[in-house]
PDB file of N, CA and C in Angstrom:
ATOM      1  N   MET A   1     -17.928  16.571  20.548  1.00  0.00           N
ATOM      2  CA  MET A   1     -16.683  16.800  19.775  1.00  0.00           C
ATOM      3  C   MET A   1     -15.444  16.982  20.610  1.00  0.00           C
ATOM      4  N   SER A   2     -14.317  16.505  20.123  1.00  0.00           N
ATOM      5  CA  SER A   2     -13.221  16.611  20.820  1.00  0.00           C
ATOM      6  C   SER A   2     -12.728  18.168  20.823  1.00  0.00           C
ATOM      7  N   ASP A   3     -11.695  18.390  21.473  1.00  0.00           N
ATOM      8  CA  ASP A   3     -10.917  19.746  21.532  1.00  0.00           C
ATOM      9  C   ASP A   3     -10.310  20.206  20.055  1.00  0.00           C
ATOM     10  N   ASP A   4      -9.720  19.269  19.466  1.00  0.00           N
ATOM     11  CA  ASP A   4      -9.064  19.445  18.307  1.00  0.00           C
ATOM     12  C   ASP A   4      -9.636  18.541  17.230  1.00  0.00           C
ATOM     13  N   PRO A   5     -10.812  18.733  16.624  1.00  0.00           N
ATOM     14  CA  PRO A   5     -11.501  18.016  15.725  1.00  0.00           C
ATOM     15  C   PRO A   5     -10.501  17.598  14.471  1.00  0.00           C
ATOM     16  N   GLN A   6      -9.677  18.623  14.048  1.00  0.00           N
ATOM     17  CA  GLN A   6      -8.928  18.405  12.860  1.00  0.00           C
ATOM     18  C   GLN A   6      -8.100  17.158  13.055  1.00  0.00           C
ATOM     19  N   LEU A   7      -7.610  16.849  14.216  1.00  0.00           N
ATOM     20  CA  LEU A   7      -6.749  15.678  14.659  1.00  0.00           C
ATOM     21  C   LEU A   7      -7.506  14.389  14.411  1.00  0.00           C
ATOM     22  N   ARG A   8      -8.862  14.619  14.447  1.00  0.00           N
ATOM     23  CA  ARG A   8      -9.461  13.175  14.614  1.00  0.00           C
ATOM     24  C   ARG A   8     -10.459  13.170  13.420  1.00  0.00           C
ATOM     25  N   ALA A   9     -10.209  13.808  12.365  1.00  0.00           N
ATOM     26  CA  ALA A   9     -10.965  13.739  10.945  1.00  0.00           C
ATOM     27  C   ALA A   9     -12.354  14.301  11.097  1.00  0.00           C
ATOM     28  N   TYR A  10     -12.570  15.137  12.040  1.00  0.00           N
ATOM     29  CA  TYR A  10     -13.822  15.888  12.349  1.00  0.00           C
ATOM     30  C   TYR A  10     -14.890  14.750  12.724  1.00  0.00           C
ATOM     31  N   LEU A  11     -14.410  13.640  13.364  1.00  0.00           N
ATOM     32  CA  LEU A  11     -15.459  12.732  13.932  1.00  0.00           C
ATOM     33  C   LEU A  11     -15.804  12.790  15.430  1.00  0.00           C
ATOM     34  N   CYS A  12     -16.793  12.471  15.947  1.00  0.00           N
ATOM     35  CA  CYS A  12     -17.100  12.487  17.202  1.00  0.00           C
ATOM     36  C   CYS A  12     -16.433  11.492  18.047  1.00  0.00           C
ATOM     37  N   ASP A  13     -16.054  11.626  19.434  1.00  0.00           N
ATOM     38  CA  ASP A  13     -15.442  10.967  20.198  1.00  0.00           C
ATOM     39  C   ASP A  13     -15.878   9.285  19.898  1.00  0.00           C
ATOM     40  N   GLU A  14     -17.133   9.039  19.954  1.00  0.00           N
ATOM     41  CA  GLU A  14     -17.567   7.568  19.853  1.00  0.00           C
ATOM     42  C   GLU A  14     -17.226   7.090  18.555  1.00  0.00           C
ATOM     43  N   CYS A  15     -17.322   7.848  17.563  1.00  0.00           N
ATOM     44  CA  CYS A  15     -17.038   7.238  16.163  1.00  0.00           C
ATOM     45  C   CYS A  15     -15.421   7.172  16.000  1.00  0.00           C
ATOM     46  N   TRP A  16     -14.638   8.029  16.581  1.00  0.00           N
ATOM     47  CA  TRP A  16     -13.283   7.885  16.608  1.00  0.00           C
ATOM     48  C   TRP A  16     -12.839   6.617  17.402  1.00  0.00           C
ATOM     49  N   GLY A  17     -13.537   6.356  18.480  1.00  0.00           N
ATOM     50  CA  GLY A  17     -13.203   5.278  19.306  1.00  0.00           C
ATOM     51  C   GLY A  17     -13.584   3.878  18.593  1.00  0.00           C
ATOM     52  N   SER A  18     -14.592   3.990  17.672  1.00  0.00           N
ATOM     53  CA  SER A  18     -14.999   2.703  17.165  1.00  0.00           C
ATOM     54  C   SER A  18     -14.186   2.097  15.953  1.00  0.00           C
ATOM     55  N   ILE A  19     -13.487   3.012  15.156  1.00  0.00           N
ATOM     56  CA  ILE A  19     -12.735   2.667  14.030  1.00  0.00           C
ATOM     57  C   ILE A  19     -11.443   1.973  14.619  1.00  0.00           C
ATOM     58  N   PRO A  20     -10.867   1.238  13.842  1.00  0.00           N
ATOM     59  CA  PRO A  20      -9.540   0.374  14.272  1.00  0.00           C
ATOM     60  C   PRO A  20      -8.428   1.479  14.135  1.00  0.00           C
ATOM     61  N   HIS A  21      -7.386   1.297  14.968  1.00  0.00           N
ATOM     62  CA  HIS A  21      -6.308   2.287  14.821  1.00  0.00           C
ATOM     63  C   HIS A  21      -5.091   1.423  14.723  1.00  0.00           C
ATOM     64  N   PHE A  22      -4.096   1.557  13.897  1.00  0.00           N
ATOM     65  CA  PHE A  22      -2.957   0.724  13.586  1.00  0.00           C
ATOM     66  C   PHE A  22      -1.743   1.749  14.040  1.00  0.00           C
ATOM     67  N   ARG A  23      -0.866   1.021  14.575  1.00  0.00           N
ATOM     68  CA  ARG A  23       0.417   1.696  14.988  1.00  0.00           C
ATOM     69  C   ARG A  23       1.688   0.996  14.629  1.00  0.00           C
ATOM     70  N   VAL A  24       2.561   1.700  14.039  1.00  0.00           N
ATOM     71  CA  VAL A  24       3.845   1.033  13.587  1.00  0.00           C
ATOM     72  C   VAL A  24       4.904   1.234  14.650  1.00  0.00           C
ATOM     73  N   GLY A  25       5.392   0.024  15.141  1.00  0.00           N
ATOM     74  CA  GLY A  25       6.371   0.021  16.196  1.00  0.00           C
ATOM     75  C   GLY A  25       7.871   0.656  15.708  1.00  0.00           C
ATOM     76  N   SER A  26       8.413  -0.034  14.761  1.00  0.00           N
ATOM     77  CA  SER A  26       9.636   0.522  14.313  1.00  0.00           C
ATOM     78  C   SER A  26       9.862   0.112  12.894  1.00  0.00           C
ATOM     79  N   LEU A  27      10.437   0.846  12.074  1.00  0.00           N
ATOM     80  CA  LEU A  27      10.592   0.617  10.642  1.00  0.00           C
ATOM     81  C   LEU A  27      11.891  -0.063  10.530  1.00  0.00           C
ATOM     82  N   GLN A  28      11.836  -1.049   9.599  1.00  0.00           N
ATOM     83  CA  GLN A  28      12.956  -1.992   9.251  1.00  0.00           C
ATOM     84  C   GLN A  28      13.529  -1.163   7.943  1.00  0.00           C
ATOM     85  N   LYS A  29      14.822  -1.223   7.812  1.00  0.00           N
ATOM     86  CA  LYS A  29      15.563  -0.683   6.717  1.00  0.00           C
ATOM     87  C   LYS A  29      15.520  -1.656   5.491  1.00  0.00           C
ATOM     88  N   ARG A  30      15.169  -1.306   4.371  1.00  0.00           N
ATOM     89  CA  ARG A  30      15.115  -2.216   3.302  1.00  0.00           C
ATOM     90  C   ARG A  30      16.486  -2.532   2.747  1.00  0.00           C
ATOM     91  N   LYS A  31      16.733  -3.685   2.347  1.00  0.00           N
ATOM     92  CA  LYS A  31      18.145  -4.043   1.782  1.00  0.00           C
ATOM     93  C   LYS A  31      17.759  -4.036   0.318  1.00  0.00           C
ATOM     94  N   LYS A  32      18.749  -3.258  -0.343  1.00  0.00           N
ATOM     95  CA  LYS A  32      18.758  -3.223  -1.910  1.00  0.00           C
ATOM     96  C   LYS A  32      19.261  -4.493  -2.571  1.00  0.00           C
ATOM     97  N   ILE A  33      18.490  -4.862  -3.468  1.00  0.00           N
ATOM     98  CA  ILE A  33      18.722  -6.098  -4.050  1.00  0.00           C
ATOM     99  C   ILE A  33      19.517  -5.739  -5.353  1.00  0.00           C
ATOM    100  N   ILE A  34      20.598  -6.372  -5.610  1.00  0.00           N
ATOM    101  CA  ILE A  34      21.468  -5.916  -6.748  1.00  0.00           C
ATOM    102  C   ILE A  34      21.797  -7.120  -7.440  1.00  0.00           C
ATOM    103  N   LYS A  35      21.163  -7.131  -8.700  1.00  0.00           N
ATOM    104  CA  LYS A  35      21.198  -8.310  -9.509  1.00  0.00           C
ATOM    105  C   LYS A  35      22.406  -8.091 -10.390  1.00  0.00           C
ATOM    106  N   LYS A  36      23.026  -9.236 -10.834  1.00  0.00           N
ATOM    107  CA  LYS A  36      24.103  -9.239 -11.818  1.00  0.00           C
ATOM    108  C   LYS A  36      23.684  -9.076 -13.249  1.00  0.00           C
ATOM    109  N   ASP A  37      24.085  -8.134 -13.964  1.00  0.00           N
ATOM    110  CA  ASP A  37      23.709  -7.944 -15.307  1.00  0.00           C
ATOM    111  C   ASP A  37      24.454  -9.049 -16.128  1.00  0.00           C
ATOM    112  N   GLU A  38      23.661 -10.156 -16.582  1.00  0.00           N
ATOM    113  CA  GLU A  38      24.456 -11.079 -17.250  1.00  0.00           C
ATOM    114  C   GLU A  38      24.362 -10.800 -18.764  1.00  0.00           C
ATOM    115  N   GLY A  39      23.720  -9.885 -19.272  1.00  0.00           N
ATOM    116  CA  GLY A  39      23.677  -9.484 -20.624  1.00  0.00           C
ATOM    117  C   GLY A  39      22.788 -10.536 -21.410  1.00  0.00           C
ATOM    118  N   TYR A  40      22.827 -10.019 -22.551  1.00  0.00           N
ATOM    119  CA  TYR A  40      21.828 -10.919 -23.607  1.00  0.00           C
ATOM    120  C   TYR A  40      22.645 -12.079 -24.309  1.00  0.00           C
ATOM    121  N   THR A  41      22.082 -13.185 -24.462  1.00  0.00           N
ATOM    122  CA  THR A  41      22.711 -14.137 -25.312  1.00  0.00           C
ATOM    123  C   THR A  41      22.454 -14.076 -26.685  1.00  0.00           C
ATOM    124  N   TRP A  42      23.218 -14.731 -27.639  1.00  0.00           N
ATOM    125  CA  TRP A  42      23.098 -14.546 -28.930  1.00  0.00           C
ATOM    126  C   TRP A  42      21.755 -14.901 -29.599  1.00  0.00           C
ATOM    127  N   GLY A  43      21.144 -15.848 -28.853  1.00  0.00           N
ATOM    128  CA  GLY A  43      19.868 -16.339 -29.372  1.00  0.00           C
ATOM    129  C   GLY A  43      18.888 -15.274 -29.150  1.00  0.00           C
ATOM    130  N   GLN A  44      18.960 -14.505 -27.964  1.00  0.00           N
ATOM    131  CA  GLN A  44      17.871 -13.403 -27.585  1.00  0.00           C
ATOM    132  C   GLN A  44      18.055 -12.271 -28.678  1.00  0.00           C
ATOM    133  N   ILE A  45      19.471 -11.959 -28.861  1.00  0.00           N
ATOM    134  CA  ILE A  45      19.748 -11.010 -29.920  1.00  0.00           C
ATOM    135  C   ILE A  45      19.318 -11.322 -31.258  1.00  0.00           C
ATOM    136  N   ALA A  46      19.338 -12.611 -31.676  1.00  0.00           N
ATOM    137  CA  ALA A  46      18.979 -13.072 -33.012  1.00  0.00           C
ATOM    138  C   ALA A  46      17.340 -12.854 -33.010  1.00  0.00           C
ATOM    139  N   LEU A  47      16.688 -13.425 -32.103  1.00  0.00           N
ATOM    140  CA  LEU A  47      15.256 -13.342 -32.086  1.00  0.00           C
ATOM    141  C   LEU A  47      14.717 -11.834 -32.032  1.00  0.00           C
ATOM    142  N   TYR A  48      15.357 -10.935 -31.390  1.00  0.00           N
ATOM    143  CA  TYR A  48      14.950  -9.666 -31.289  1.00  0.00           C
ATOM    144  C   TYR A  48      15.115  -8.910 -32.442  1.00  0.00           C
ATOM    145  N   THR A  49      16.270  -9.187 -33.260  1.00  0.00           N
ATOM    146  CA  THR A  49      16.487  -8.627 -34.713  1.00  0.00           C
ATOM    147  C   THR A  49      15.405  -9.142 -35.631  1.00  0.00           C
ATOM    148  N   LEU A  50      15.271 -10.363 -35.529  1.00  0.00           N
ATOM    149  CA  LEU A  50      14.375 -11.174 -36.556  1.00  0.00           C
ATOM    150  C   LEU A  50      12.857 -10.540 -36.250  1.00  0.00           C
ATOM    151  N   GLY A  51      12.573 -10.418 -34.991  1.00  0.00           N
ATOM    152  CA  GLY A  51      11.226  -9.653 -34.809  1.00  0.00           C
ATOM    153  C   GLY A  51      11.124  -8.209 -35.378  1.00  0.00           C
ATOM    154  N   ASN A  52      12.167  -7.566 -35.208  1.00  0.00           N
ATOM    155  CA  ASN A  52      12.025  -6.055 -35.704  1.00  0.00           C
ATOM    156  C   ASN A  52      12.226  -6.132 -37.198  1.00  0.00           C
ATOM    157  N   LEU A  53      12.782  -7.092 -37.857  1.00  0.00           N
ATOM    158  CA  LEU A  53      12.928  -7.247 -39.316  1.00  0.00           C
ATOM    159  C   LEU A  53      11.378  -7.519 -39.831  1.00  0.00           C
ATOM    160  N   CYS A  54      10.857  -8.436 -39.119  1.00  0.00           N
ATOM    161  CA  CYS A  54       9.471  -8.777 -39.546  1.00  0.00           C
ATOM    162  C   CYS A  54       8.534  -7.629 -39.506  1.00  0.00           C
ATOM    163  N   CYS A  55       8.701  -6.874 -38.387  1.00  0.00           N
ATOM    164  CA  CYS A  55       7.724  -5.661 -38.302  1.00  0.00           C
ATOM    165  C   CYS A  55       8.108  -4.687 -39.402  1.00  0.00           C
ATOM    166  N   LEU A  56       9.295  -4.554 -39.822  1.00  0.00           N
ATOM    167  CA  LEU A  56       9.747  -3.531 -40.850  1.00  0.00           C
ATOM    168  C   LEU A  56       9.302  -4.048 -42.178  1.00  0.00           C
ATOM    169  N   VAL A  57       9.090  -5.327 -42.489  1.00  0.00           N
ATOM    170  CA  VAL A  57       8.690  -5.941 -43.601  1.00  0.00           C
ATOM    171  C   VAL A  57       7.189  -5.627 -43.717  1.00  0.00           C
ATOM    172  N   VAL A  58       6.525  -5.901 -42.778  1.00  0.00           N
ATOM    173  CA  VAL A  58       5.003  -5.534 -42.701  1.00  0.00           C
ATOM    174  C   VAL A  58       4.734  -4.097 -42.890  1.00  0.00           C
ATOM    175  N   ILE A  59       5.490  -3.255 -42.196  1.00  0.00           N
ATOM    176  CA  ILE A  59       5.184  -1.872 -42.443  1.00  0.00           C
ATOM    177  C   ILE A  59       5.477  -1.506 -43.924  1.00  0.00           C
ATOM    178  N   GLY A  60       6.687  -1.819 -44.295  1.00  0.00           N
ATOM    179  CA  GLY A  60       7.071  -1.590 -45.691  1.00  0.00           C
ATOM    180  C   GLY A  60       5.972  -1.969 -46.666  1.00  0.00           C
ATOM    181  N   TYR A  61       5.468  -3.410 -46.633  1.00  0.00           N
ATOM    182  CA  TYR A  61       4.492  -3.811 -47.389  1.00  0.00           C
ATOM    183  C   TYR A  61       3.374  -2.957 -47.429  1.00  0.00           C
ATOM    184  N   TYR A  62       2.789  -2.506 -46.400  1.00  0.00           N
ATOM    185  CA  TYR A  62       1.550  -1.720 -46.240  1.00  0.00           C
ATOM    186  C   TYR A  62       1.858  -0.239 -46.864  1.00  0.00           C
ATOM    187  N   LEU A  63       3.000   0.229 -46.628  1.00  0.00           N
ATOM    188  CA  LEU A  63       3.336   1.544 -47.098  1.00  0.00           C
ATOM    189  C   LEU A  63       3.490   1.676 -48.650  1.00  0.00           C
ATOM    190  N   TRP A  64       4.321   0.659 -49.253  1.00  0.00           N
ATOM    191  CA  TRP A  64       4.625   0.715 -50.568  1.00  0.00           C
ATOM    192  C   TRP A  64       3.827  -0.075 -51.541  1.00  0.00           C
ATOM    193  N   LEU A  65       3.265  -1.173 -51.001  1.00  0.00           N
ATOM    194  CA  LEU A  65       2.667  -2.081 -51.918  1.00  0.00           C
ATOM    195  C   LEU A  65       0.908  -1.899 -51.879  1.00  0.00           C
ATOM    196  N   LYS A  66       0.590  -1.339 -50.782  1.00  0.00           N
ATOM    197  CA  LYS A  66      -1.041  -1.214 -50.717  1.00  0.00           C
ATOM    198  C   LYS A  66      -1.495   0.195 -50.758  1.00  0.00           C
TER     199      LYS A  66
END
Protein backbone atom coordinates (compact mmCIF):
# COMPACT_ATOMS: atom_id res chain seq x y z
CA MET A 1 0.00 0.00 0.00
CA SER A 2 1.07 3.56 -0.56
CA ASP A 3 1.93 6.03 2.19
CA ASP A 4 -1.32 7.99 1.76
CA PRO A 5 -4.00 5.46 0.76
CA GLN A 6 -6.81 8.03 0.86
CA LEU A 7 -5.17 9.89 -2.04
CA ARG A 8 -5.32 6.78 -4.20
CA ALA A 9 -8.84 5.58 -3.32
CA TYR A 10 -7.39 2.88 -1.04
CA LEU A 11 -5.98 0.95 -4.01
CA CYS A 12 -2.67 -0.86 -4.02
CA ASP A 13 0.13 0.60 -6.13
CA GLU A 14 -0.35 -2.01 -8.90
CA CYS A 15 -4.08 -1.35 -9.15
CA TRP A 16 -3.56 2.41 -9.10
CA GLY A 17 -1.03 2.14 -11.92
CA SER A 18 -3.28 -0.08 -14.04
CA ILE A 19 -6.29 2.28 -14.22
CA PRO A 20 -6.24 5.10 -16.80
CA HIS A 21 -5.52 8.62 -15.54
CA PHE A 22 -6.72 11.72 -17.30
CA ARG A 23 -5.27 15.16 -16.82
CA VAL A 24 -6.75 18.48 -17.90
CA GLY A 25 -4.21 20.87 -19.36
CA SER A 26 -5.94 24.22 -19.36
CA LEU A 27 -9.57 25.16 -19.09
CA GLN A 28 -11.14 27.29 -21.79
CA LYS A 29 -13.62 29.96 -20.83
CA ARG A 30 -17.08 29.39 -22.19
CA LYS A 31 -18.63 32.09 -24.28
CA LYS A 32 -22.15 33.05 -23.37
CA ILE A 33 -24.60 32.69 -26.22
CA ILE A 34 -27.14 35.48 -26.17
CA LYS A 35 -30.15 34.94 -28.37
CA LYS A 36 -32.34 37.78 -29.46
CA ASP A 37 -35.83 37.42 -28.13
CA GLU A 38 -37.93 37.88 -31.21
CA GLY A 39 -41.17 37.42 -29.32
CA TYR A 40 -44.21 35.50 -30.45
CA THR A 41 -46.05 35.81 -33.73
CA TRP A 42 -49.80 36.35 -33.91
CA GLY A 43 -50.23 32.83 -35.24
CA GLN A 44 -48.47 31.34 -32.22
CA ILE A 45 -50.56 33.44 -29.85
CA ALA A 46 -53.78 32.36 -31.62
CA LEU A 47 -52.85 28.66 -31.53
CA TYR A 48 -51.89 28.86 -27.85
CA THR A 49 -55.16 30.61 -27.00
CA LEU A 50 -57.18 28.12 -29.05
CA GLY A 51 -55.49 25.20 -27.30
CA ASN A 52 -56.21 26.68 -23.89
CA LEU A 53 -59.85 27.26 -24.80
CA CYS A 54 -60.20 23.66 -26.00
CA CYS A 55 -58.81 22.40 -22.70
CA LEU A 56 -61.20 24.60 -20.76
CA VAL A 57 -64.16 23.34 -22.80
CA VAL A 58 -63.23 19.72 -22.09
CA ILE A 59 -62.78 20.42 -18.38
CA GLY A 60 -66.08 22.32 -18.24
CA TYR A 61 -67.87 19.51 -20.05
CA TYR A 62 -66.69 16.90 -17.57
CA LEU A 63 -67.39 19.08 -14.53
CA TRP A 64 -70.88 20.33 -15.35
CA LEU A 65 -72.41 17.87 -17.80
CA LYS A 66 -71.10 14.49 -16.65
